[in-house]
């Protein structure tokens, strides 16, 4: 899988994104029902993520996890456990959780899917007038649940599927930094928009 790695800055020790989500998107007009149609050209990572999330192709979890392991993990310190970003919508199965579990298997580390939880925001982010108010609303949406039973501290890897402005990754990281069992916090995302 071809990638175009990008470093991201934030309240974490180190962070990287594998690739852009899309290379181009051309408007083709409307279909018979009046819905817009597009011809999308995605990156390898973007296409694998699209197939996983929107076409239900669970076989894409393994190559996405392998790309994280091969291209991002060598740039980080040792990772003790993985935390997937909590989902924004309820699904029968969570695509990012599949990638996190596959990566955990490849690395032989635990994954904690309920350590970081996110409740819905009371109103859309656009209703908050300042960046600080938007960030505080996002931080308040996250909660920690002590899933790590062993005592001590470990380096944690927070993974997400798509990074846009980075606000959600930043808010989740600020919450994880409060967890007494996290030493260094690393972040990795599959794509950026």
C-alpha atoms as a PDB file:
ATOM      1  CA  UNK A   1       0.000   0.000   0.000  1.00  0.00           C
ATOM      2  CA  UNK A   2       1.449   3.350  -1.061  1.00  0.00           C
ATOM      3  CA  UNK A   3       1.371   6.153   1.548  1.00  0.00           C
ATOM      4  CA  UNK A   4       2.320   9.815   1.781  1.00  0.00           C
ATOM      5  CA  UNK A   5       3.097  10.183   5.472  1.00  0.00           C
ATOM      6  CA  UNK A   6       2.388  13.486   7.199  1.00  0.00           C
ATOM      7  CA  UNK A   7       3.402  14.484  10.713  1.00  0.00           C
ATOM      8  CA  UNK A   8       0.763  16.178  12.865  1.00  0.00           C
ATOM      9  CA  UNK A   9       1.373  18.426  15.854  1.00  0.00           C
ATOM     10  CA  UNK A  10      -0.767  18.545  18.970  1.00  0.00           C
ATOM     11  CA  UNK A  11      -0.911  17.675  22.675  1.00  0.00           C
ATOM     12  CA  UNK A  12       0.764  14.319  22.103  1.00  0.00           C
ATOM     13  CA  UNK A  13       4.338  13.048  22.049  1.00  0.00           C
ATOM     14  CA  UNK A  14       4.316  12.294  18.305  1.00  0.00           C
ATOM     15  CA  UNK A  15       1.655  11.871  15.634  1.00  0.00           C
ATOM     16  CA  UNK A  16       1.377  10.889  11.985  1.00  0.00           C
ATOM     17  CA  UNK A  17      -1.260  10.370   9.281  1.00  0.00           C
ATOM     18  CA  UNK A  18      -0.746   7.793   6.514  1.00  0.00           C
ATOM     19  CA  UNK A  19      -2.140   9.690   3.517  1.00  0.00           C
ATOM     20  CA  UNK A  20      -4.722  12.033   2.056  1.00  0.00           C
ATOM     21  CA  UNK A  21      -8.167  10.559   1.752  1.00  0.00           C
ATOM     22  CA  UNK A  22      -8.886  11.731  -1.777  1.00  0.00           C
ATOM     23  CA  UNK A  23      -6.795  12.860  -4.728  1.00  0.00           C
ATOM     24  CA  UNK A  24      -9.653  14.372  -6.735  1.00  0.00           C
ATOM     25  CA  UNK A  25     -13.424  14.576  -6.920  1.00  0.00           C
ATOM     26  CA  UNK A  26     -15.175  15.530 -10.162  1.00  0.00           C
ATOM     27  CA  UNK A  27     -18.867  16.501 -10.241  1.00  0.00           C
ATOM     28  CA  UNK A  28     -20.694  14.420 -12.868  1.00  0.00           C
ATOM     29  CA  UNK A  29     -24.154  15.934 -12.585  1.00  0.00           C
ATOM     30  CA  UNK A  30     -27.281  14.551 -10.954  1.00  0.00           C
ATOM     31  CA  UNK A  31     -28.813  11.098 -11.122  1.00  0.00           C
ATOM     32  CA  UNK A  32     -32.502  10.432 -11.943  1.00  0.00           C
ATOM     33  CA  UNK A  33     -33.524  11.228  -8.353  1.00  0.00           C
ATOM     34  CA  UNK A  34     -31.681  14.562  -8.417  1.00  0.00           C
ATOM     35  CA  UNK A  35     -28.802  13.442  -6.211  1.00  0.00           C
ATOM     36  CA  UNK A  36     -25.330  14.717  -7.094  1.00  0.00           C
ATOM     37  CA  UNK A  37     -22.881  12.193  -8.574  1.00  0.00           C
ATOM     38  CA  UNK A  38     -19.104  12.383  -8.331  1.00  0.00           C
ATOM     39  CA  UNK A  39     -16.120  10.561  -9.739  1.00  0.00           C
ATOM     40  CA  UNK A  40     -13.752  10.173  -6.778  1.00  0.00           C
ATOM     41  CA  UNK A  41     -10.093   9.260  -7.088  1.00  0.00           C
ATOM     42  CA  UNK A  42      -8.833   8.082  -3.711  1.00  0.00           C
ATOM     43  CA  UNK A  43      -5.371   7.260  -2.430  1.00  0.00           C
ATOM     44  CA  UNK A  44      -4.618   3.596  -1.662  1.00  0.00           C
ATOM     45  CA  UNK A  45      -5.314   4.227   2.022  1.00  0.00           C
ATOM     46  CA  UNK A  46      -8.409   6.300   1.222  1.00  0.00           C
ATOM     47  CA  UNK A  47      -9.814   3.552  -1.016  1.00  0.00           C
ATOM     48  CA  UNK A  48      -9.143   0.824   1.564  1.00  0.00           C
ATOM     49  CA  UNK A  49     -10.853   2.933   4.242  1.00  0.00           C
ATOM     50  CA  UNK A  50     -13.815   3.645   1.922  1.00  0.00           C
ATOM     51  CA  UNK A  51     -14.212  -0.067   1.164  1.00  0.00           C
ATOM     52  CA  UNK A  52     -14.050  -0.910   4.885  1.00  0.00           C
ATOM     53  CA  UNK A  53     -16.430   1.800   6.127  1.00  0.00           C
ATOM     54  CA  UNK A  54     -18.902   2.173   3.278  1.00  0.00           C
ATOM     55  CA  UNK A  55     -18.818  -1.158   1.470  1.00  0.00           C
ATOM     56  CA  UNK A  56     -18.428  -3.432   4.513  1.00  0.00           C
ATOM     57  CA  UNK A  57     -15.217  -5.033   3.245  1.00  0.00           C
ATOM     58  CA  UNK A  58     -13.739  -6.196   6.555  1.00  0.00           C
ATOM     59  CA  UNK A  59     -10.707  -7.656   4.769  1.00  0.00           C
ATOM     60  CA  UNK A  60      -9.381  -4.067   4.465  1.00  0.00           C
ATOM     61  CA  UNK A  61      -8.665  -3.913   8.231  1.00  0.00           C
ATOM     62  CA  UNK A  62      -5.510  -6.037   7.933  1.00  0.00           C
ATOM     63  CA  UNK A  63      -3.714  -4.018   5.204  1.00  0.00           C
ATOM     64  CA  UNK A  64      -4.652  -0.750   6.944  1.00  0.00           C
ATOM     65  CA  UNK A  65      -3.242  -2.059  10.236  1.00  0.00           C
ATOM     66  CA  UNK A  66      -0.120  -3.280   8.418  1.00  0.00           C
ATOM     67  CA  UNK A  67       0.369   0.190   6.896  1.00  0.00           C
ATOM     68  CA  UNK A  68       0.149   1.759  10.370  1.00  0.00           C
ATOM     69  CA  UNK A  69       2.633  -0.802  11.688  1.00  0.00           C
ATOM     70  CA  UNK A  70       5.089  -0.446   8.786  1.00  0.00           C
ATOM     71  CA  UNK A  71       5.033   3.312   8.224  1.00  0.00           C
ATOM     72  CA  UNK A  72       4.076   5.006  11.504  1.00  0.00           C
ATOM     73  CA  UNK A  73       5.128   2.713  14.358  1.00  0.00           C
ATOM     74  CA  UNK A  74       8.869   2.848  13.487  1.00  0.00           C
ATOM     75  CA  UNK A  75       8.683   6.615  14.106  1.00  0.00           C
ATOM     76  CA  UNK A  76       7.219   6.200  17.614  1.00  0.00           C
ATOM     77  CA  UNK A  77       8.493   4.814  20.875  1.00  0.00           C
ATOM     78  CA  UNK A  78       7.368   1.448  22.232  1.00  0.00           C
ATOM     79  CA  UNK A  79       3.581   1.204  22.488  1.00  0.00           C
ATOM     80  CA  UNK A  80       1.999  -0.567  25.464  1.00  0.00           C
ATOM     81  CA  UNK A  81      -1.618  -0.433  24.339  1.00  0.00           C
ATOM     82  CA  UNK A  82      -3.930   0.896  21.611  1.00  0.00           C
ATOM     83  CA  UNK A  83      -7.031   3.074  21.995  1.00  0.00           C
ATOM     84  CA  UNK A  84      -9.316   3.530  18.969  1.00  0.00           C
ATOM     85  CA  UNK A  85     -11.120   6.867  18.671  1.00  0.00           C
ATOM     86  CA  UNK A  86     -14.694   6.369  19.891  1.00  0.00           C
ATOM     87  CA  UNK A  87     -17.165   6.138  17.003  1.00  0.00           C
ATOM     88  CA  UNK A  88     -19.332   9.102  16.073  1.00  0.00           C
ATOM     89  CA  UNK A  89     -22.204   6.904  14.967  1.00  0.00           C
ATOM     90  CA  UNK A  90     -23.599   3.557  16.019  1.00  0.00           C
ATOM     91  CA  UNK A  91     -22.998   0.682  13.595  1.00  0.00           C
ATOM     92  CA  UNK A  92     -23.404  -3.083  13.816  1.00  0.00           C
ATOM     93  CA  UNK A  93     -19.585  -3.224  13.841  1.00  0.00           C
ATOM     94  CA  UNK A  94     -17.069  -0.408  14.072  1.00  0.00           C
ATOM     95  CA  UNK A  95     -14.556  -0.191  11.202  1.00  0.00           C
ATOM     96  CA  UNK A  96     -11.858   1.527  13.265  1.00  0.00           C
ATOM     97  CA  UNK A  97     -12.198  -1.089  16.014  1.00  0.00           C
ATOM     98  CA  UNK A  98     -11.432  -3.789  13.442  1.00  0.00           C
ATOM     99  CA  UNK A  99      -8.278  -1.936  12.401  1.00  0.00           C
ATOM    100  CA  UNK A 100      -7.291  -1.422  16.066  1.00  0.00           C
ATOM    101  CA  UNK A 101      -7.799  -5.118  16.881  1.00  0.00           C
ATOM    102  CA  UNK A 102      -5.800  -6.182  13.841  1.00  0.00           C
ATOM    103  CA  UNK A 103      -2.980  -3.783  14.719  1.00  0.00           C
ATOM    104  CA  UNK A 104      -3.009  -5.038  18.325  1.00  0.00           C
ATOM    105  CA  UNK A 105      -2.682  -8.622  17.050  1.00  0.00           C
ATOM    106  CA  UNK A 106       0.221  -7.671  14.799  1.00  0.00           C
ATOM    107  CA  UNK A 107       1.968  -5.807  17.634  1.00  0.00           C
ATOM    108  CA  UNK A 108       0.988  -8.251  20.391  1.00  0.00           C
ATOM    109  CA  UNK A 109      -0.368  -5.502  22.653  1.00  0.00           C
ATOM    110  CA  UNK A 110      -3.843  -5.007  24.144  1.00  0.00           C
ATOM    111  CA  UNK A 111      -6.491  -2.760  22.656  1.00  0.00           C
ATOM    112  CA  UNK A 112      -8.922  -0.938  24.956  1.00  0.00           C
ATOM    113  CA  UNK A 113     -12.075  -0.010  23.052  1.00  0.00           C
ATOM    114  CA  UNK A 114     -13.984   1.380  26.032  1.00  0.00           C
ATOM    115  CA  UNK A 115     -11.196   3.272  27.801  1.00  0.00           C
ATOM    116  CA  UNK A 116     -12.172   6.462  25.968  1.00  0.00           C
ATOM    117  CA  UNK A 117     -15.870   7.074  25.326  1.00  0.00           C
ATOM    118  CA  UNK A 118     -17.611   9.966  23.598  1.00  0.00           C
ATOM    119  CA  UNK A 119     -21.125  11.222  24.210  1.00  0.00           C
ATOM    120  CA  UNK A 120     -23.014  13.221  21.582  1.00  0.00           C
ATOM    121  CA  UNK A 121     -22.547  16.986  21.667  1.00  0.00           C
ATOM    122  CA  UNK A 122     -25.572  18.954  22.930  1.00  0.00           C
ATOM    123  CA  UNK A 123     -25.510  21.104  19.782  1.00  0.00           C
ATOM    124  CA  UNK A 124     -23.500  21.325  16.556  1.00  0.00           C
ATOM    125  CA  UNK A 125     -19.932  22.644  16.872  1.00  0.00           C
ATOM    126  CA  UNK A 126     -20.848  25.539  14.580  1.00  0.00           C
ATOM    127  CA  UNK A 127     -23.141  26.848  17.357  1.00  0.00           C
ATOM    128  CA  UNK A 128     -20.120  27.594  19.570  1.00  0.00           C
ATOM    129  CA  UNK A 129     -18.828  31.093  18.774  1.00  0.00           C
ATOM    130  CA  UNK A 130     -15.127  30.615  19.582  1.00  0.00           C
ATOM    131  CA  UNK A 131     -12.527  27.905  18.988  1.00  0.00           C
ATOM    132  CA  UNK A 132     -11.986  27.673  22.751  1.00  0.00           C
ATOM    133  CA  UNK A 133     -15.702  27.004  23.354  1.00  0.00           C
ATOM    134  CA  UNK A 134     -15.758  24.389  20.581  1.00  0.00           C
ATOM    135  CA  UNK A 135     -12.679  22.677  22.043  1.00  0.00           C
ATOM    136  CA  UNK A 136     -14.165  22.703  25.563  1.00  0.00           C
ATOM    137  CA  UNK A 137     -17.404  21.159  24.249  1.00  0.00           C
ATOM    138  CA  UNK A 138     -15.383  18.414  22.535  1.00  0.00           C
ATOM    139  CA  UNK A 139     -13.255  17.754  25.630  1.00  0.00           C
ATOM    140  CA  UNK A 140     -16.418  17.560  27.756  1.00  0.00           C
ATOM    141  CA  UNK A 141     -17.890  14.985  25.361  1.00  0.00           C
ATOM    142  CA  UNK A 142     -15.097  12.511  26.220  1.00  0.00           C
ATOM    143  CA  UNK A 143     -14.904  10.385  29.338  1.00  0.00           C
ATOM    144  CA  UNK A 144     -12.377   7.867  30.663  1.00  0.00           C
ATOM    145  CA  UNK A 145     -13.188   4.397  31.977  1.00  0.00           C
ATOM    146  CA  UNK A 146     -10.361   2.570  33.726  1.00  0.00           C
ATOM    147  CA  UNK A 147     -10.037  -0.572  31.607  1.00  0.00           C
ATOM    148  CA  UNK A 148      -6.324  -1.100  32.254  1.00  0.00           C
ATOM    149  CA  UNK A 149      -6.235  -3.422  35.262  1.00  0.00           C
ATOM    150  CA  UNK A 150      -2.455  -3.525  35.786  1.00  0.00           C
ATOM    151  CA  UNK A 151      -0.692  -0.843  37.802  1.00  0.00           C
ATOM    152  CA  UNK A 152       1.946   1.322  36.181  1.00  0.00           C
ATOM    153  CA  UNK A 153       2.226   3.542  33.122  1.00  0.00           C
ATOM    154  CA  UNK A 154       2.458   2.681  29.427  1.00  0.00           C
ATOM    155  CA  UNK A 155       2.839   4.491  26.162  1.00  0.00           C
ATOM    156  CA  UNK A 156      -0.558   4.613  24.464  1.00  0.00           C
ATOM    157  CA  UNK A 157      -1.401   4.850  20.768  1.00  0.00           C
ATOM    158  CA  UNK A 158      -4.646   6.644  19.899  1.00  0.00           C
ATOM    159  CA  UNK A 159      -5.783   5.825  16.368  1.00  0.00           C
ATOM    160  CA  UNK A 160      -8.423   7.496  14.213  1.00  0.00           C
ATOM    161  CA  UNK A 161      -9.675   6.933  10.689  1.00  0.00           C
ATOM    162  CA  UNK A 162      -9.917  10.507   9.369  1.00  0.00           C
ATOM    163  CA  UNK A 163      -8.363  13.756  10.606  1.00  0.00           C
ATOM    164  CA  UNK A 164      -9.864  17.007   9.378  1.00  0.00           C
ATOM    165  CA  UNK A 165      -9.151  20.040  11.569  1.00  0.00           C
ATOM    166  CA  UNK A 166      -7.615  17.829  14.264  1.00  0.00           C
ATOM    167  CA  UNK A 167      -9.945  19.196  16.966  1.00  0.00           C
ATOM    168  CA  UNK A 168     -11.418  15.794  17.885  1.00  0.00           C
ATOM    169  CA  UNK A 169      -7.956  14.199  18.037  1.00  0.00           C
ATOM    170  CA  UNK A 170      -6.767  17.088  20.207  1.00  0.00           C
ATOM    171  CA  UNK A 171      -9.761  16.851  22.579  1.00  0.00           C
ATOM    172  CA  UNK A 172      -9.426  13.062  22.900  1.00  0.00           C
ATOM    173  CA  UNK A 173      -5.695  13.451  23.550  1.00  0.00           C
ATOM    174  CA  UNK A 174      -6.267  16.040  26.259  1.00  0.00           C
ATOM    175  CA  UNK A 175      -8.606  13.587  27.989  1.00  0.00           C
ATOM    176  CA  UNK A 176      -6.215  10.623  27.611  1.00  0.00           C
ATOM    177  CA  UNK A 177      -3.369  12.723  29.014  1.00  0.00           C
ATOM    178  CA  UNK A 178      -5.359  12.856  32.275  1.00  0.00           C
ATOM    179  CA  UNK A 179      -5.318   9.062  32.579  1.00  0.00           C
ATOM    180  CA  UNK A 180      -2.732   8.118  35.198  1.00  0.00           C
ATOM    181  CA  UNK A 181      -1.729   4.947  33.325  1.00  0.00           C
ATOM    182  CA  UNK A 182      -0.636   6.802  30.157  1.00  0.00           C
ATOM    183  CA  UNK A 183       3.011   7.789  29.953  1.00  0.00           C
ATOM    184  CA  UNK A 184       3.704   8.984  26.389  1.00  0.00           C
ATOM    185  CA  UNK A 185       0.731   9.449  24.087  1.00  0.00           C
ATOM    186  CA  UNK A 186       1.153   8.797  20.369  1.00  0.00           C
ATOM    187  CA  UNK A 187      -1.490   9.365  17.711  1.00  0.00           C
ATOM    188  CA  UNK A 188      -1.939   7.840  14.270  1.00  0.00           C
ATOM    189  CA  UNK A 189      -4.638   8.367  11.672  1.00  0.00           C
ATOM    190  CA  UNK A 190      -5.338   6.607   8.432  1.00  0.00           C
ATOM    191  CA  UNK A 191      -6.250   9.653   6.305  1.00  0.00           C
ATOM    192  CA  UNK A 192      -6.586  13.418   6.308  1.00  0.00           C
ATOM    193  CA  UNK A 193      -9.132  15.428   4.332  1.00  0.00           C
END
